[in-house]
Amino acid sequence: MSEGILKGNVWRFGHDISTDLLSPGGYAVATVDERKMHTLESVSPRFAHEVCPGDVVVSGRNFGCGSSRETAPENLKALGVACIVAESLSRLFLRNAVAIGLPALVCEGVHDAFSDGDDIEIDLASGRVVNTVSGVALRAAPFPREMRDILAAGGILAVLRNQFETPKGLS
């Protein structure tokens, strides 16, 4: 993920999108390739089959509520979702998303400002969220530098690997 502006196509969902909807329990032991194909299937049966790399999920209040299922953001990332922008997010979902390198922003008014298929531009540093179809510009809570560094590295494991990796030639 770069420091630049994310641009993508919007998939808009309602309120209270739970981790059970994002990662149905019946597929908990499945491989990520199988599991991701059931992401949000009870809300939008076509989502997992039609979402494209770089697309953005826009949602209402309480996105990622429910259990702390780490597979919920993993499924979205495996499908190529570039970012989640919601009216509010579960704290556990946000932590799990950032930990794997998937940006998730809180942005008041985003649910009403977008429709399915709109184009979106997101600046993680400033928090600016723009509907390029309607011209509506909103301000999300921007990510602190440390969180942007984790996202840019691809997640917390990548950051830790980089910090503790032994330089070549030394042992």
N, C-alpha and C. Protein backbone atom coordinates (compact mmCIF):
# COMPACT_ATOMS: atom_id res chain seq x y z
N MET A 1 0.84 -1.18 0.00
CA MET A 1 0.00 0.00 0.00
C MET A 1 0.88 1.23 0.00
N SER A 2 0.55 2.20 -0.80
CA SER A 2 1.37 3.41 -0.89
C SER A 2 0.82 4.50 0.02
N GLU A 3 1.62 5.55 0.15
CA GLU A 3 1.21 6.71 0.94
C GLU A 3 0.24 7.58 0.17
N GLY A 4 0.05 7.33 -1.12
CA GLY A 4 -0.79 8.18 -1.94
C GLY A 4 -2.26 8.02 -1.66
N ILE A 5 -3.02 8.45 -2.62
CA ILE A 5 -4.48 8.41 -2.51
C ILE A 5 -4.99 7.08 -3.04
N LEU A 6 -5.86 6.45 -2.28
CA LEU A 6 -6.52 5.22 -2.74
C LEU A 6 -7.70 5.61 -3.61
N LYS A 7 -7.86 4.92 -4.74
CA LYS A 7 -9.00 5.16 -5.63
C LYS A 7 -9.64 3.82 -5.93
N GLY A 8 -10.97 3.79 -5.89
CA GLY A 8 -11.63 2.53 -6.16
C GLY A 8 -13.12 2.67 -6.39
N ASN A 9 -13.73 1.55 -6.64
CA ASN A 9 -15.17 1.43 -6.85
C ASN A 9 -15.81 1.07 -5.51
N VAL A 10 -16.95 1.66 -5.25
CA VAL A 10 -17.63 1.46 -3.95
C VAL A 10 -18.60 0.28 -3.98
N TRP A 11 -18.51 -0.51 -2.92
CA TRP A 11 -19.52 -1.51 -2.56
C TRP A 11 -20.15 -0.98 -1.28
N ARG A 12 -21.41 -0.60 -1.34
CA ARG A 12 -22.07 0.04 -0.19
C ARG A 12 -22.95 -0.97 0.55
N PHE A 13 -22.77 -0.99 1.87
CA PHE A 13 -23.54 -1.87 2.74
C PHE A 13 -24.20 -1.04 3.83
N GLY A 14 -25.14 -1.65 4.53
CA GLY A 14 -25.90 -0.95 5.56
C GLY A 14 -25.19 -0.93 6.90
N HIS A 15 -25.98 -0.89 7.94
CA HIS A 15 -25.49 -0.82 9.31
C HIS A 15 -25.35 -2.23 9.89
N ASP A 16 -24.56 -2.34 10.95
CA ASP A 16 -24.42 -3.59 11.71
C ASP A 16 -23.91 -4.76 10.88
N ILE A 17 -22.92 -4.52 10.06
CA ILE A 17 -22.29 -5.61 9.31
C ILE A 17 -21.34 -6.32 10.27
N SER A 18 -21.74 -7.49 10.69
CA SER A 18 -21.01 -8.22 11.74
C SER A 18 -19.89 -9.08 11.17
N THR A 19 -19.02 -9.53 12.07
CA THR A 19 -17.96 -10.45 11.66
C THR A 19 -18.55 -11.79 11.20
N ASP A 20 -19.74 -12.13 11.68
CA ASP A 20 -20.41 -13.35 11.19
C ASP A 20 -20.80 -13.22 9.72
N LEU A 21 -21.18 -12.02 9.30
CA LEU A 21 -21.51 -11.79 7.90
C LEU A 21 -20.24 -11.74 7.04
N LEU A 22 -19.18 -11.20 7.61
CA LEU A 22 -17.91 -11.07 6.89
C LEU A 22 -17.16 -12.39 6.80
N SER A 23 -17.37 -13.26 7.78
CA SER A 23 -16.67 -14.54 7.83
C SER A 23 -17.58 -15.57 8.50
N PRO A 24 -18.52 -16.14 7.74
CA PRO A 24 -19.48 -17.09 8.33
C PRO A 24 -18.79 -18.24 9.05
N GLY A 25 -19.30 -18.54 10.24
CA GLY A 25 -18.71 -19.56 11.10
C GLY A 25 -18.61 -20.94 10.47
N GLY A 26 -19.48 -21.25 9.55
CA GLY A 26 -19.45 -22.56 8.91
C GLY A 26 -18.20 -22.80 8.08
N TYR A 27 -17.45 -21.75 7.83
CA TYR A 27 -16.23 -21.87 7.02
C TYR A 27 -14.98 -21.54 7.83
N ALA A 28 -15.09 -21.60 9.14
CA ALA A 28 -13.99 -21.21 10.03
C ALA A 28 -12.73 -22.03 9.79
N VAL A 29 -12.86 -23.28 9.46
CA VAL A 29 -11.67 -24.13 9.25
C VAL A 29 -11.30 -24.28 7.79
N ALA A 30 -11.99 -23.58 6.91
CA ALA A 30 -11.69 -23.65 5.48
C ALA A 30 -10.43 -22.85 5.16
N THR A 31 -9.87 -23.10 3.99
CA THR A 31 -8.73 -22.31 3.54
C THR A 31 -9.21 -20.89 3.24
N VAL A 32 -8.29 -19.95 3.23
CA VAL A 32 -8.67 -18.56 2.95
C VAL A 32 -9.30 -18.45 1.56
N ASP A 33 -8.83 -19.22 0.60
CA ASP A 33 -9.40 -19.16 -0.75
C ASP A 33 -10.85 -19.61 -0.78
N GLU A 34 -11.20 -20.61 0.02
CA GLU A 34 -12.59 -21.04 0.11
C GLU A 34 -13.41 -20.08 0.97
N ARG A 35 -12.83 -19.71 2.11
CA ARG A 35 -13.52 -18.85 3.08
C ARG A 35 -13.91 -17.50 2.48
N LYS A 36 -13.00 -16.89 1.72
CA LYS A 36 -13.26 -15.55 1.18
C LYS A 36 -14.46 -15.53 0.23
N MET A 37 -14.76 -16.66 -0.40
CA MET A 37 -15.86 -16.71 -1.36
C MET A 37 -17.23 -16.67 -0.68
N HIS A 38 -17.25 -16.70 0.64
CA HIS A 38 -18.51 -16.63 1.40
C HIS A 38 -18.65 -15.31 2.15
N THR A 39 -17.73 -14.40 1.89
CA THR A 39 -17.75 -13.09 2.54
C THR A 39 -19.00 -12.32 2.14
N LEU A 40 -19.78 -11.93 3.10
CA LEU A 40 -21.01 -11.13 2.91
C LEU A 40 -22.05 -11.80 2.02
N GLU A 41 -21.99 -13.12 1.85
CA GLU A 41 -22.90 -13.79 0.93
C GLU A 41 -24.37 -13.66 1.32
N SER A 42 -24.67 -13.55 2.62
CA SER A 42 -26.07 -13.42 3.01
C SER A 42 -26.60 -12.00 2.82
N VAL A 43 -25.70 -11.03 2.63
CA VAL A 43 -26.08 -9.64 2.40
C VAL A 43 -26.05 -9.32 0.90
N SER A 44 -25.01 -9.80 0.23
CA SER A 44 -24.84 -9.58 -1.20
C SER A 44 -24.21 -10.83 -1.81
N PRO A 45 -25.02 -11.74 -2.34
CA PRO A 45 -24.48 -12.99 -2.88
C PRO A 45 -23.44 -12.79 -3.99
N ARG A 46 -23.47 -11.66 -4.66
CA ARG A 46 -22.54 -11.43 -5.77
C ARG A 46 -21.21 -10.80 -5.33
N PHE A 47 -21.15 -10.26 -4.12
CA PHE A 47 -19.98 -9.50 -3.67
C PHE A 47 -18.67 -10.27 -3.87
N ALA A 48 -18.54 -11.42 -3.26
CA ALA A 48 -17.27 -12.15 -3.30
C ALA A 48 -16.88 -12.57 -4.71
N HIS A 49 -17.84 -12.68 -5.60
CA HIS A 49 -17.57 -13.11 -6.97
C HIS A 49 -17.29 -11.94 -7.91
N GLU A 50 -17.72 -10.74 -7.52
CA GLU A 50 -17.59 -9.59 -8.42
C GLU A 50 -16.68 -8.47 -7.91
N VAL A 51 -16.34 -8.49 -6.63
CA VAL A 51 -15.46 -7.46 -6.09
C VAL A 51 -14.12 -7.55 -6.81
N CYS A 52 -13.52 -6.40 -7.09
CA CYS A 52 -12.25 -6.34 -7.81
C CYS A 52 -11.16 -5.76 -6.92
N PRO A 53 -9.92 -6.15 -7.15
CA PRO A 53 -8.83 -5.55 -6.38
C PRO A 53 -8.88 -4.03 -6.48
N GLY A 54 -8.77 -3.39 -5.33
CA GLY A 54 -8.83 -1.93 -5.28
C GLY A 54 -10.20 -1.38 -4.93
N ASP A 55 -11.23 -2.22 -4.93
CA ASP A 55 -12.56 -1.76 -4.55
C ASP A 55 -12.59 -1.40 -3.07
N VAL A 56 -13.56 -0.56 -2.70
CA VAL A 56 -13.67 -0.05 -1.33
C VAL A 56 -15.05 -0.39 -0.78
N VAL A 57 -15.09 -0.86 0.46
CA VAL A 57 -16.35 -1.13 1.14
C VAL A 57 -16.74 0.11 1.93
N VAL A 58 -17.94 0.61 1.67
CA VAL A 58 -18.52 1.74 2.41
C VAL A 58 -19.70 1.19 3.19
N SER A 59 -19.78 1.57 4.46
CA SER A 59 -20.82 0.99 5.31
C SER A 59 -21.34 2.02 6.30
N GLY A 60 -22.42 1.65 6.95
CA GLY A 60 -23.02 2.50 7.97
C GLY A 60 -22.37 2.29 9.32
N ARG A 61 -23.17 2.38 10.35
CA ARG A 61 -22.69 2.26 11.73
C ARG A 61 -22.38 0.81 12.09
N ASN A 62 -21.41 0.67 13.00
CA ASN A 62 -21.15 -0.60 13.67
C ASN A 62 -20.58 -1.68 12.75
N PHE A 63 -19.72 -1.30 11.82
CA PHE A 63 -19.10 -2.27 10.91
C PHE A 63 -18.12 -3.13 11.71
N GLY A 64 -18.18 -4.45 11.49
CA GLY A 64 -17.27 -5.37 12.16
C GLY A 64 -17.66 -5.72 13.57
N CYS A 65 -18.93 -5.46 13.92
CA CYS A 65 -19.41 -5.80 15.26
C CYS A 65 -19.44 -7.31 15.44
N GLY A 66 -19.57 -7.75 16.66
CA GLY A 66 -19.65 -9.18 16.94
C GLY A 66 -18.35 -9.69 17.51
N SER A 67 -18.05 -10.93 17.20
CA SER A 67 -16.86 -11.56 17.75
C SER A 67 -15.60 -10.95 17.15
N SER A 68 -14.47 -11.26 17.75
CA SER A 68 -13.20 -10.71 17.26
C SER A 68 -12.59 -11.61 16.19
N ARG A 69 -13.41 -12.11 15.31
CA ARG A 69 -12.99 -13.03 14.26
C ARG A 69 -11.94 -12.37 13.37
N GLU A 70 -10.70 -12.81 13.49
CA GLU A 70 -9.62 -12.23 12.69
C GLU A 70 -9.79 -12.52 11.21
N THR A 71 -10.56 -13.54 10.89
CA THR A 71 -10.77 -13.89 9.49
C THR A 71 -11.66 -12.88 8.76
N ALA A 72 -12.39 -12.04 9.50
CA ALA A 72 -13.27 -11.05 8.85
C ALA A 72 -12.47 -10.07 7.99
N PRO A 73 -11.48 -9.34 8.54
CA PRO A 73 -10.70 -8.47 7.67
C PRO A 73 -9.80 -9.26 6.71
N GLU A 74 -9.35 -10.45 7.12
CA GLU A 74 -8.52 -11.27 6.23
C GLU A 74 -9.26 -11.61 4.94
N ASN A 75 -10.55 -11.95 5.07
CA ASN A 75 -11.35 -12.28 3.88
C ASN A 75 -11.43 -11.08 2.94
N LEU A 76 -11.69 -9.90 3.49
CA LEU A 76 -11.79 -8.70 2.65
C LEU A 76 -10.47 -8.42 1.95
N LYS A 77 -9.38 -8.53 2.68
CA LYS A 77 -8.06 -8.29 2.08
C LYS A 77 -7.77 -9.34 1.00
N ALA A 78 -8.10 -10.60 1.27
CA ALA A 78 -7.86 -11.66 0.29
C ALA A 78 -8.67 -11.45 -0.99
N LEU A 79 -9.81 -10.79 -0.88
CA LEU A 79 -10.62 -10.48 -2.06
C LEU A 79 -10.09 -9.26 -2.81
N GLY A 80 -9.14 -8.55 -2.22
CA GLY A 80 -8.56 -7.38 -2.88
C GLY A 80 -9.14 -6.05 -2.45
N VAL A 81 -10.03 -6.06 -1.45
CA VAL A 81 -10.60 -4.80 -0.96
C VAL A 81 -9.46 -3.90 -0.49
N ALA A 82 -9.44 -2.65 -0.94
CA ALA A 82 -8.35 -1.72 -0.62
C ALA A 82 -8.56 -1.00 0.69
N CYS A 83 -9.83 -0.81 1.09
CA CYS A 83 -10.11 -0.01 2.28
C CYS A 83 -11.57 -0.20 2.68
N ILE A 84 -11.84 0.00 3.95
CA ILE A 84 -13.21 0.07 4.47
C ILE A 84 -13.41 1.47 5.02
N VAL A 85 -14.53 2.10 4.68
CA VAL A 85 -14.88 3.40 5.23
C VAL A 85 -16.29 3.26 5.77
N ALA A 86 -16.45 3.49 7.08
CA ALA A 86 -17.74 3.27 7.72
C ALA A 86 -18.06 4.40 8.69
N GLU A 87 -19.34 4.53 9.00
CA GLU A 87 -19.79 5.52 9.98
C GLU A 87 -19.17 5.25 11.35
N SER A 88 -19.06 3.98 11.72
CA SER A 88 -18.35 3.58 12.94
C SER A 88 -17.88 2.14 12.75
N LEU A 89 -16.81 1.80 13.48
CA LEU A 89 -16.18 0.49 13.38
C LEU A 89 -16.03 -0.12 14.77
N SER A 90 -16.13 -1.42 14.84
CA SER A 90 -15.77 -2.13 16.06
C SER A 90 -14.27 -1.92 16.29
N ARG A 91 -13.91 -1.64 17.55
CA ARG A 91 -12.48 -1.45 17.86
C ARG A 91 -11.67 -2.70 17.55
N LEU A 92 -12.21 -3.88 17.84
CA LEU A 92 -11.49 -5.12 17.55
C LEU A 92 -11.32 -5.32 16.05
N PHE A 93 -12.36 -5.01 15.28
CA PHE A 93 -12.23 -5.13 13.84
C PHE A 93 -11.15 -4.19 13.33
N LEU A 94 -11.16 -2.95 13.79
CA LEU A 94 -10.16 -1.97 13.36
C LEU A 94 -8.75 -2.47 13.68
N ARG A 95 -8.53 -2.95 14.89
CA ARG A 95 -7.21 -3.47 15.26
C ARG A 95 -6.80 -4.64 14.38
N ASN A 96 -7.71 -5.56 14.15
CA ASN A 96 -7.40 -6.72 13.31
C ASN A 96 -7.11 -6.30 11.87
N ALA A 97 -7.85 -5.33 11.36
CA ALA A 97 -7.64 -4.86 9.99
C ALA A 97 -6.27 -4.21 9.85
N VAL A 98 -5.96 -3.29 10.72
CA VAL A 98 -4.65 -2.61 10.65
C VAL A 98 -3.52 -3.62 10.82
N ALA A 99 -3.71 -4.58 11.70
CA ALA A 99 -2.67 -5.59 11.95
C ALA A 99 -2.30 -6.37 10.70
N ILE A 100 -3.24 -6.54 9.77
CA ILE A 100 -2.94 -7.27 8.53
C ILE A 100 -2.72 -6.33 7.34
N GLY A 101 -2.74 -5.03 7.59
CA GLY A 101 -2.45 -4.07 6.53
C GLY A 101 -3.65 -3.63 5.72
N LEU A 102 -4.85 -3.72 6.29
CA LEU A 102 -6.07 -3.30 5.61
C LEU A 102 -6.60 -2.02 6.26
N PRO A 103 -6.57 -0.89 5.56
CA PRO A 103 -7.08 0.36 6.16
C PRO A 103 -8.58 0.31 6.38
N ALA A 104 -9.00 0.84 7.52
CA ALA A 104 -10.42 0.94 7.86
C ALA A 104 -10.62 2.29 8.55
N LEU A 105 -11.39 3.17 7.94
CA LEU A 105 -11.59 4.53 8.42
C LEU A 105 -12.99 4.77 8.94
N VAL A 106 -13.08 5.62 9.95
CA VAL A 106 -14.37 6.10 10.44
C VAL A 106 -14.63 7.46 9.81
N CYS A 107 -15.80 7.57 9.17
CA CYS A 107 -16.12 8.81 8.46
C CYS A 107 -17.62 9.10 8.58
N GLU A 108 -17.94 10.10 9.37
CA GLU A 108 -19.34 10.49 9.55
C GLU A 108 -19.93 10.94 8.21
N GLY A 109 -21.13 10.45 7.90
CA GLY A 109 -21.84 10.84 6.69
C GLY A 109 -21.51 10.01 5.46
N VAL A 110 -20.56 9.08 5.56
CA VAL A 110 -20.13 8.33 4.38
C VAL A 110 -21.22 7.42 3.83
N HIS A 111 -22.04 6.84 4.70
CA HIS A 111 -23.08 5.93 4.24
C HIS A 111 -24.07 6.61 3.30
N ASP A 112 -24.47 7.83 3.64
CA ASP A 112 -25.43 8.55 2.81
C ASP A 112 -24.79 9.23 1.61
N ALA A 113 -23.47 9.39 1.62
CA ALA A 113 -22.77 10.12 0.55
C ALA A 113 -22.41 9.24 -0.64
N PHE A 114 -22.57 7.92 -0.51
CA PHE A 114 -22.15 7.02 -1.58
C PHE A 114 -23.25 6.03 -1.93
N SER A 115 -23.23 5.59 -3.18
CA SER A 115 -24.08 4.51 -3.66
C SER A 115 -23.18 3.43 -4.23
N ASP A 116 -23.73 2.23 -4.36
CA ASP A 116 -22.99 1.15 -5.02
C ASP A 116 -22.49 1.64 -6.37
N GLY A 117 -21.23 1.36 -6.66
CA GLY A 117 -20.67 1.68 -7.97
C GLY A 117 -20.06 3.06 -8.10
N ASP A 118 -20.27 3.93 -7.11
CA ASP A 118 -19.62 5.25 -7.16
C ASP A 118 -18.11 5.06 -7.09
N ASP A 119 -17.39 6.06 -7.59
CA ASP A 119 -15.94 6.08 -7.47
C ASP A 119 -15.57 6.87 -6.23
N ILE A 120 -14.53 6.40 -5.53
CA ILE A 120 -14.10 7.02 -4.28
C ILE A 120 -12.60 7.28 -4.32
N GLU A 121 -12.21 8.38 -3.70
CA GLU A 121 -10.79 8.69 -3.47
C GLU A 121 -10.61 8.90 -1.97
N ILE A 122 -9.56 8.29 -1.43
CA ILE A 122 -9.30 8.35 0.01
C ILE A 122 -7.85 8.72 0.24
N ASP A 123 -7.63 9.74 1.05
CA ASP A 123 -6.28 10.12 1.47
C ASP A 123 -6.14 9.74 2.94
N LEU A 124 -5.38 8.68 3.21
CA LEU A 124 -5.24 8.19 4.58
C LEU A 124 -4.55 9.19 5.49
N ALA A 125 -3.64 9.98 4.96
CA ALA A 125 -2.88 10.94 5.78
C ALA A 125 -3.76 12.09 6.26
N SER A 126 -4.62 12.59 5.38
CA SER A 126 -5.46 13.73 5.76
C SER A 126 -6.85 13.31 6.21
N GLY A 127 -7.26 12.11 5.81
CA GLY A 127 -8.61 11.65 6.12
C GLY A 127 -9.65 12.10 5.12
N ARG A 128 -9.23 12.70 4.03
CA ARG A 128 -10.18 13.20 3.03
C ARG A 128 -10.77 12.02 2.24
N VAL A 129 -12.11 12.00 2.14
CA VAL A 129 -12.85 10.97 1.42
C VAL A 129 -13.75 11.69 0.42
N VAL A 130 -13.59 11.38 -0.87
CA VAL A 130 -14.32 12.10 -1.92
C VAL A 130 -15.10 11.14 -2.79
N ASN A 131 -16.37 11.46 -3.02
CA ASN A 131 -17.19 10.77 -4.01
C ASN A 131 -16.94 11.51 -5.31
N THR A 132 -16.17 10.92 -6.22
CA THR A 132 -15.81 11.62 -7.45
C THR A 132 -16.96 11.68 -8.45
N VAL A 133 -18.03 10.95 -8.19
CA VAL A 133 -19.22 11.02 -9.05
C VAL A 133 -20.05 12.25 -8.68
N SER A 134 -20.32 12.43 -7.39
CA SER A 134 -21.17 13.54 -6.94
C SER A 134 -20.37 14.78 -6.53
N GLY A 135 -19.08 14.59 -6.26
CA GLY A 135 -18.25 15.70 -5.80
C GLY A 135 -18.29 15.93 -4.30
N VAL A 136 -19.06 15.13 -3.55
CA VAL A 136 -19.15 15.28 -2.11
C VAL A 136 -17.80 14.91 -1.48
N ALA A 137 -17.30 15.79 -0.63
CA ALA A 137 -16.04 15.55 0.08
C ALA A 137 -16.32 15.50 1.58
N LEU A 138 -15.80 14.49 2.22
CA LEU A 138 -15.97 14.29 3.66
C LEU A 138 -14.61 14.21 4.33
N ARG A 139 -14.61 14.29 5.64
CA ARG A 139 -13.36 14.19 6.39
C ARG A 139 -13.49 13.04 7.38
N ALA A 140 -12.65 12.03 7.19
CA ALA A 140 -12.58 10.91 8.13
C ALA A 140 -11.52 11.21 9.17
N ALA A 141 -11.54 10.46 10.24
CA ALA A 141 -10.47 10.55 11.23
C ALA A 141 -9.21 10.01 10.57
N PRO A 142 -8.18 10.85 10.39
CA PRO A 142 -6.97 10.38 9.70
C PRO A 142 -6.20 9.39 10.56
N PHE A 143 -5.44 8.53 9.90
CA PHE A 143 -4.59 7.59 10.61
C PHE A 143 -3.35 8.29 11.12
N PRO A 144 -2.95 8.02 12.34
CA PRO A 144 -1.66 8.54 12.83
C PRO A 144 -0.52 7.95 12.00
N ARG A 145 0.59 8.61 11.99
CA ARG A 145 1.78 8.18 11.22
C ARG A 145 2.13 6.72 11.50
N GLU A 146 2.12 6.32 12.77
CA GLU A 146 2.49 4.95 13.13
C GLU A 146 1.57 3.92 12.48
N MET A 147 0.27 4.22 12.45
CA MET A 147 -0.67 3.30 11.81
C MET A 147 -0.46 3.27 10.31
N ARG A 148 -0.18 4.42 9.71
CA ARG A 148 0.10 4.45 8.26
C ARG A 148 1.36 3.66 7.94
N ASP A 149 2.35 3.70 8.84
CA ASP A 149 3.57 2.92 8.64
C ASP A 149 3.27 1.42 8.67
N ILE A 150 2.42 1.00 9.60
CA ILE A 150 2.03 -0.41 9.67
C ILE A 150 1.30 -0.82 8.39
N LEU A 151 0.37 0.02 7.94
CA LEU A 151 -0.37 -0.27 6.72
C LEU A 151 0.56 -0.33 5.51
N ALA A 152 1.48 0.63 5.41
CA ALA A 152 2.41 0.69 4.28
C ALA A 152 3.31 -0.54 4.23
N ALA A 153 3.66 -1.07 5.42
CA ALA A 153 4.53 -2.24 5.49
C ALA A 153 3.78 -3.52 5.13
N GLY A 154 2.44 -3.46 5.16
CA GLY A 154 1.64 -4.65 4.88
C GLY A 154 1.14 -5.35 6.12
N GLY A 155 1.27 -4.69 7.27
CA GLY A 155 0.77 -5.26 8.51
C GLY A 155 1.84 -5.31 9.58
N ILE A 156 1.41 -5.63 10.79
CA ILE A 156 2.32 -5.62 11.94
C ILE A 156 3.38 -6.70 11.84
N LEU A 157 3.08 -7.86 11.28
CA LEU A 157 4.09 -8.91 11.15
C LEU A 157 5.23 -8.46 10.24
N ALA A 158 4.91 -7.75 9.16
CA ALA A 158 5.95 -7.23 8.28
C ALA A 158 6.81 -6.20 9.01
N VAL A 159 6.19 -5.35 9.83
CA VAL A 159 6.95 -4.37 10.60
C VAL A 159 7.91 -5.08 11.55
N LEU A 160 7.41 -6.08 12.25
CA LEU A 160 8.25 -6.82 13.20
C LEU A 160 9.38 -7.57 12.49
N ARG A 161 9.07 -8.18 11.35
CA ARG A 161 10.11 -8.86 10.58
C ARG A 161 11.22 -7.88 10.21
N ASN A 162 10.83 -6.70 9.74
CA ASN A 162 11.82 -5.70 9.35
C ASN A 162 12.66 -5.23 10.54
N GLN A 163 12.04 -5.10 11.70
CA GLN A 163 12.77 -4.64 12.89
C GLN A 163 13.75 -5.66 13.42
N PHE A 164 13.41 -6.93 13.31
CA PHE A 164 14.23 -7.96 13.92
C PHE A 164 15.01 -8.81 12.93
N GLU A 165 14.95 -8.46 11.67
CA GLU A 165 15.68 -9.20 10.65
C GLU A 165 17.18 -8.96 10.81
N THR A 166 17.95 -10.01 10.74
CA THR A 166 19.40 -9.88 10.82
C THR A 166 19.93 -9.42 9.47
N PRO A 167 20.72 -8.33 9.46
CA PRO A 167 21.26 -7.86 8.17
C PRO A 167 22.11 -8.95 7.52
N LYS A 168 22.09 -9.00 6.19
CA LYS A 168 22.88 -10.01 5.45
C LYS A 168 24.35 -9.84 5.77
N GLY A 169 25.02 -10.94 5.92
CA GLY A 169 26.45 -10.90 6.22
C GLY A 169 26.75 -10.93 7.71
N LEU A 170 25.72 -10.73 8.54
CA LEU A 170 25.90 -10.79 9.99
C LEU A 170 25.16 -12.00 10.54
N SER A 171 25.72 -12.62 11.53
CA SER A 171 25.00 -13.71 12.16
C SER A 171 25.27 -13.79 13.63
